[in-house]
C-alpha atoms as a PDB file:
ATOM      1  CA  MET A   1      60.343 205.226 120.561  1.00  0.00           C
ATOM      2  CA  ASN A   2      60.919 209.044 120.687  1.00  0.00           C
ATOM      3  CA  THR A   3      64.629 209.516 121.594  1.00  0.00           C
ATOM      4  CA  GLU A   4      63.897 212.144 123.972  1.00  0.00           C
ATOM      5  CA  GLU A   5      62.016 209.984 126.434  1.00  0.00           C
ATOM      6  CA  PRO A   6      63.954 208.546 129.191  1.00  0.00           C
ATOM      7  CA  VAL A   7      64.994 204.947 129.138  1.00  0.00           C
ATOM      8  CA  LYS A   8      63.186 202.831 131.751  1.00  0.00           C
ATOM      9  CA  VAL A   9      64.322 199.548 133.326  1.00  0.00           C
ATOM     10  CA  SER A  10      61.884 196.912 133.953  1.00  0.00           C
ATOM     11  CA  GLY A  11      62.006 193.361 135.086  1.00  0.00           C
ATOM     12  CA  TYR A  12      60.242 190.168 135.702  1.00  0.00           C
ATOM     13  CA  VAL A  13      60.985 186.591 136.919  1.00  0.00           C
ATOM     14  CA  THR A  14      59.894 183.391 135.410  1.00  0.00           C
ATOM     15  CA  VAL A  15      59.915 180.534 137.631  1.00  0.00           C
ATOM     16  CA  ASN A  16      60.066 176.949 136.214  1.00  0.00           C
ATOM     17  CA  ILE A  17      59.376 174.156 138.911  1.00  0.00           C
ATOM     18  CA  GLU A  18      60.253 170.693 138.019  1.00  0.00           C
ATOM     19  CA  HIS A  19      58.949 167.988 140.320  1.00  0.00           C
ATOM     20  CA  LYS A  20      60.466 164.692 140.622  1.00  0.00           C
ATOM     21  CA  ASP A  21      57.054 163.119 139.752  1.00  0.00           C
ATOM     22  CA  GLY A  22      57.284 164.661 136.555  1.00  0.00           C
ATOM     23  CA  ARG A  23      54.718 167.743 137.018  1.00  0.00           C
ATOM     24  CA  GLN A  24      56.058 171.086 135.908  1.00  0.00           C
ATOM     25  CA  GLU A  25      54.758 174.508 137.076  1.00  0.00           C
ATOM     26  CA  THR A  26      55.513 178.067 135.899  1.00  0.00           C
ATOM     27  CA  ILE A  27      55.168 181.215 137.864  1.00  0.00           C
ATOM     28  CA  GLU A  28      55.843 184.961 136.778  1.00  0.00           C
ATOM     29  CA  PHE A  29      56.064 188.042 138.814  1.00  0.00           C
ATOM     30  CA  LYS A  30      57.563 191.516 138.611  1.00  0.00           C
ATOM     31  CA  ASN A  31      60.621 192.940 140.388  1.00  0.00           C
ATOM     32  CA  THR A  32      61.699 196.378 141.695  1.00  0.00           C
ATOM     33  CA  ILE A  33      64.866 197.962 140.305  1.00  0.00           C
ATOM     34  CA  LEU A  34      66.724 199.223 143.221  1.00  0.00           C
ATOM     35  CA  ARG A  35      68.379 202.574 143.876  1.00  0.00           C
ATOM     36  CA  LYS A  36      71.809 200.966 144.060  1.00  0.00           C
ATOM     37  CA  GLY A  37      71.091 199.367 140.794  1.00  0.00           C
ATOM     38  CA  ARG A  38      70.087 202.423 139.081  1.00  0.00           C
ATOM     39  CA  GLU A  39      72.986 204.229 140.422  1.00  0.00           C
ATOM     40  CA  ALA A  40      75.135 201.332 139.019  1.00  0.00           C
ATOM     41  CA  LEU A  41      73.914 202.028 135.460  1.00  0.00           C
ATOM     42  CA  ALA A  42      74.567 205.634 135.768  1.00  0.00           C
ATOM     43  CA  LYS A  43      77.990 205.227 136.939  1.00  0.00           C
ATOM     44  CA  SER A  44      78.851 202.609 134.157  1.00  0.00           C
ATOM     45  CA  LEU A  45      77.652 204.923 131.577  1.00  0.00           C
ATOM     46  CA  ALA A  46      79.692 207.750 132.919  1.00  0.00           C
ATOM     47  CA  ASN A  47      82.657 205.606 133.278  1.00  0.00           C
ATOM     48  CA  ASP A  48      82.860 206.364 136.948  1.00  0.00           C
ATOM     49  CA  LEU A  49      83.938 202.890 137.826  1.00  0.00           C
ATOM     50  CA  GLY A  50      86.725 203.452 140.411  1.00  0.00           C
ATOM     51  CA  ASP A  51      89.614 200.995 140.268  1.00  0.00           C
ATOM     52  CA  THR A  52      87.483 198.063 139.252  1.00  0.00           C
ATOM     53  CA  TYR A  53      84.299 197.437 137.522  1.00  0.00           C
ATOM     54  CA  GLN A  54      81.986 195.923 140.133  1.00  0.00           C
ATOM     55  CA  PHE A  55      78.523 196.612 138.858  1.00  0.00           C
ATOM     56  CA  TYR A  56      77.612 193.284 137.186  1.00  0.00           C
ATOM     57  CA  VAL A  57      75.404 190.767 138.469  1.00  0.00           C
ATOM     58  CA  SER A  58      77.096 188.060 139.917  1.00  0.00           C
ATOM     59  CA  ARG A  59      74.351 186.113 142.402  1.00  0.00           C
ATOM     60  CA  MET A  60      70.793 185.514 142.710  1.00  0.00           C
ATOM     61  CA  LEU A  61      69.909 185.523 146.590  1.00  0.00           C
ATOM     62  CA  PHE A  62      66.806 183.704 147.864  1.00  0.00           C
ATOM     63  CA  GLY A  63      65.117 184.327 151.290  1.00  0.00           C
ATOM     64  CA  ASP A  64      62.332 183.714 153.521  1.00  0.00           C
ATOM     65  CA  GLY A  65      61.232 187.143 154.665  1.00  0.00           C
ATOM     66  CA  GLY A  66      59.267 188.424 151.767  1.00  0.00           C
ATOM     67  CA  THR A  67      55.797 188.088 153.151  1.00  0.00           C
ATOM     68  CA  ALA A  68      53.997 188.982 156.354  1.00  0.00           C
ATOM     69  CA  GLY A  69      50.652 187.600 157.197  1.00  0.00           C
ATOM     70  CA  GLY A  70      50.094 186.093 153.894  1.00  0.00           C
ATOM     71  CA  SER A  71      50.747 189.224 152.055  1.00  0.00           C
ATOM     72  CA  VAL A  72      53.661 190.123 149.951  1.00  0.00           C
ATOM     73  CA  LYS A  73      55.909 192.808 151.289  1.00  0.00           C
ATOM     74  CA  TYR A  74      56.300 196.151 149.313  1.00  0.00           C
ATOM     75  CA  VAL A  75      59.942 196.564 148.057  1.00  0.00           C
ATOM     76  CA  ASP A  76      61.002 200.254 148.358  1.00  0.00           C
ATOM     77  CA  THR A  77      63.865 201.348 145.941  1.00  0.00           C
ATOM     78  CA  ALA A  78      65.959 202.193 148.828  1.00  0.00           C
ATOM     79  CA  ARG A  79      66.404 198.653 149.894  1.00  0.00           C
ATOM     80  CA  ASN A  80      69.687 197.043 149.682  1.00  0.00           C
ATOM     81  CA  GLY A  81      69.333 193.805 151.626  1.00  0.00           C
ATOM     82  CA  LEU A  82      66.648 190.980 151.828  1.00  0.00           C
ATOM     83  CA  PHE A  83      63.853 191.151 154.568  1.00  0.00           C
ATOM     84  CA  GLY A  84      64.700 187.692 155.976  1.00  0.00           C
ATOM     85  CA  ILE A  85      67.510 185.199 156.268  1.00  0.00           C
ATOM     86  CA  THR A  86      69.518 184.505 152.856  1.00  0.00           C
ATOM     87  CA  ARG A  87      68.578 180.615 152.404  1.00  0.00           C
ATOM     88  CA  ALA A  88      70.504 180.299 148.986  1.00  0.00           C
ATOM     89  CA  SER A  89      72.907 182.403 147.115  1.00  0.00           C
ATOM     90  CA  LYS A  90      73.543 180.945 143.456  1.00  0.00           C
ATOM     91  CA  SER A  91      75.889 182.092 140.849  1.00  0.00           C
ATOM     92  CA  VAL A  92      74.007 183.345 137.885  1.00  0.00           C
ATOM     93  CA  ILE A  93      74.351 182.681 134.046  1.00  0.00           C
ATOM     94  CA  ALA A  94      73.971 186.001 132.439  1.00  0.00           C
ATOM     95  CA  GLN A  95      73.027 186.366 128.834  1.00  0.00           C
ATOM     96  CA  VAL A  96      71.771 189.145 126.415  1.00  0.00           C
ATOM     97  CA  ASP A  97      68.869 187.841 124.558  1.00  0.00           C
ATOM     98  CA  PRO A  98      69.864 187.499 120.977  1.00  0.00           C
ATOM     99  CA  ASN A  99      66.207 188.440 119.792  1.00  0.00           C
ATOM    100  CA  ILE A 100      65.935 191.468 122.170  1.00  0.00           C
ATOM    101  CA  PRO A 101      69.369 193.022 122.341  1.00  0.00           C
ATOM    102  CA  SER A 102      68.164 195.493 125.070  1.00  0.00           C
ATOM    103  CA  GLN A 103      67.268 192.699 127.508  1.00  0.00           C
ATOM    104  CA  VAL A 104      69.620 190.530 129.703  1.00  0.00           C
ATOM    105  CA  VAL A 105      68.637 187.272 131.315  1.00  0.00           C
ATOM    106  CA  PHE A 106      70.000 185.961 134.504  1.00  0.00           C
ATOM    107  CA  THR A 107      69.514 182.139 135.246  1.00  0.00           C
ATOM    108  CA  ALA A 108      70.053 180.475 138.449  1.00  0.00           C
ATOM    109  CA  VAL A 109      68.792 176.864 139.633  1.00  0.00           C
ATOM    110  CA  LEU A 110      67.722 175.856 142.922  1.00  0.00           C
ATOM    111  CA  GLY A 111      68.722 172.044 142.857  1.00  0.00           C
ATOM    112  CA  PHE A 112      66.705 169.204 144.478  1.00  0.00           C
ATOM    113  CA  SER A 113      69.026 169.660 147.530  1.00  0.00           C
ATOM    114  CA  ASP A 114      69.097 173.374 147.851  1.00  0.00           C
ATOM    115  CA  ALA A 115      66.932 175.588 150.436  1.00  0.00           C
ATOM    116  CA  ASN A 116      64.857 172.561 151.343  1.00  0.00           C
ATOM    117  CA  GLY A 117      62.419 173.003 154.261  1.00  0.00           C
ATOM    118  CA  TYR A 118      62.016 177.020 153.668  1.00  0.00           C
ATOM    119  CA  ALA A 119      59.268 179.153 152.439  1.00  0.00           C
ATOM    120  CA  ILE A 120      61.188 181.008 149.680  1.00  0.00           C
ATOM    121  CA  ASN A 121      59.315 184.286 149.164  1.00  0.00           C
ATOM    122  CA  GLU A 122      61.996 186.956 148.337  1.00  0.00           C
ATOM    123  CA  MET A 123      64.801 187.158 145.889  1.00  0.00           C
ATOM    124  CA  ALA A 124      67.431 189.647 144.596  1.00  0.00           C
ATOM    125  CA  LEU A 125      70.109 189.985 142.184  1.00  0.00           C
ATOM    126  CA  GLN A 126      73.523 190.804 143.668  1.00  0.00           C
ATOM    127  CA  MET A 127      76.110 192.878 142.128  1.00  0.00           C
ATOM    128  CA  SER A 128      79.715 191.807 142.561  1.00  0.00           C
ATOM    129  CA  ASN A 129      80.224 194.756 144.988  1.00  0.00           C
ATOM    130  CA  ASP A 130      77.570 193.240 147.060  1.00  0.00           C
ATOM    131  CA  ASP A 131      74.860 195.896 146.460  1.00  0.00           C
ATOM    132  CA  LEU A 132      71.683 194.661 145.378  1.00  0.00           C
ATOM    133  CA  TYR A 133      70.439 195.536 141.868  1.00  0.00           C
ATOM    134  CA  SER A 134      66.952 194.376 141.886  1.00  0.00           C
ATOM    135  CA  MET A 135      64.602 192.636 144.359  1.00  0.00           C
ATOM    136  CA  ALA A 136      61.375 190.780 144.200  1.00  0.00           C
ATOM    137  CA  THR A 137      58.754 189.427 146.721  1.00  0.00           C
ATOM    138  CA  PHE A 138      56.278 186.772 145.996  1.00  0.00           C
ATOM    139  CA  LEU A 139      53.836 184.327 147.901  1.00  0.00           C
ATOM    140  CA  ASP A 140      55.524 181.466 149.788  1.00  0.00           C
ATOM    141  CA  LEU A 141      57.000 178.796 147.573  1.00  0.00           C
ATOM    142  CA  ASN A 142      57.774 175.939 149.938  1.00  0.00           C
ATOM    143  CA  LYS A 143      60.904 174.259 148.679  1.00  0.00           C
ATOM    144  CA  THR A 144      61.250 170.431 149.219  1.00  0.00           C
ATOM    145  CA  ASP A 145      63.656 167.828 147.848  1.00  0.00           C
ATOM    146  CA  GLN A 146      61.066 166.996 145.439  1.00  0.00           C
ATOM    147  CA  MET A 147      61.588 170.033 143.295  1.00  0.00           C
ATOM    148  CA  GLN A 148      64.296 171.807 141.224  1.00  0.00           C
ATOM    149  CA  ILE A 149      63.432 175.390 140.428  1.00  0.00           C
ATOM    150  CA  THR A 150      65.025 177.214 137.473  1.00  0.00           C
ATOM    151  CA  TRP A 151      64.814 181.088 137.928  1.00  0.00           C
ATOM    152  CA  ASN A 152      65.070 183.313 134.708  1.00  0.00           C
ATOM    153  CA  TRP A 153      65.120 187.032 135.591  1.00  0.00           C
ATOM    154  CA  ARG A 154      64.752 189.293 132.752  1.00  0.00           C
ATOM    155  CA  ILE A 155      65.814 193.067 132.938  1.00  0.00           C
ATOM    156  CA  SER A 156      64.825 195.171 130.049  1.00  0.00           C
ATOM    157  CA  PHE A 157      65.815 198.675 128.886  1.00  0.00           C
ATOM    158  CA  VAL A 158      62.739 200.236 127.069  1.00  0.00           C
END
């Protein structure tokens, strides 16, 4: 890589669905790095932190407003909230990928009893200051008590 090229931030989500009957599904989709997330990176590098460091991802939010008329809504980088109602908010486990040191993986699980009866179709990574770092919309995933979903959200610096 040319060191004069700007660093780009990209990400994607891998969804692993485990059904009680033993079936397993995997879905992948991209995300949008939001303006507040990019600003947090710049502030971190400039040591412009204020009184406390609040720019780490602490939660994964899941909502039901990411589609309209069967189409996925476009996520503008200026967004700082889900389109719909937050149906679940889960703490994340964050880990730098040992094989790709410029990539971090955020993991959260919607258990068998979480967000049942909702069409989950949007999600976001929320920082500890409540701003959203990144957001993704996708086709409806109708959550029931017959499934547990593990979400692995990868953010790479390339």
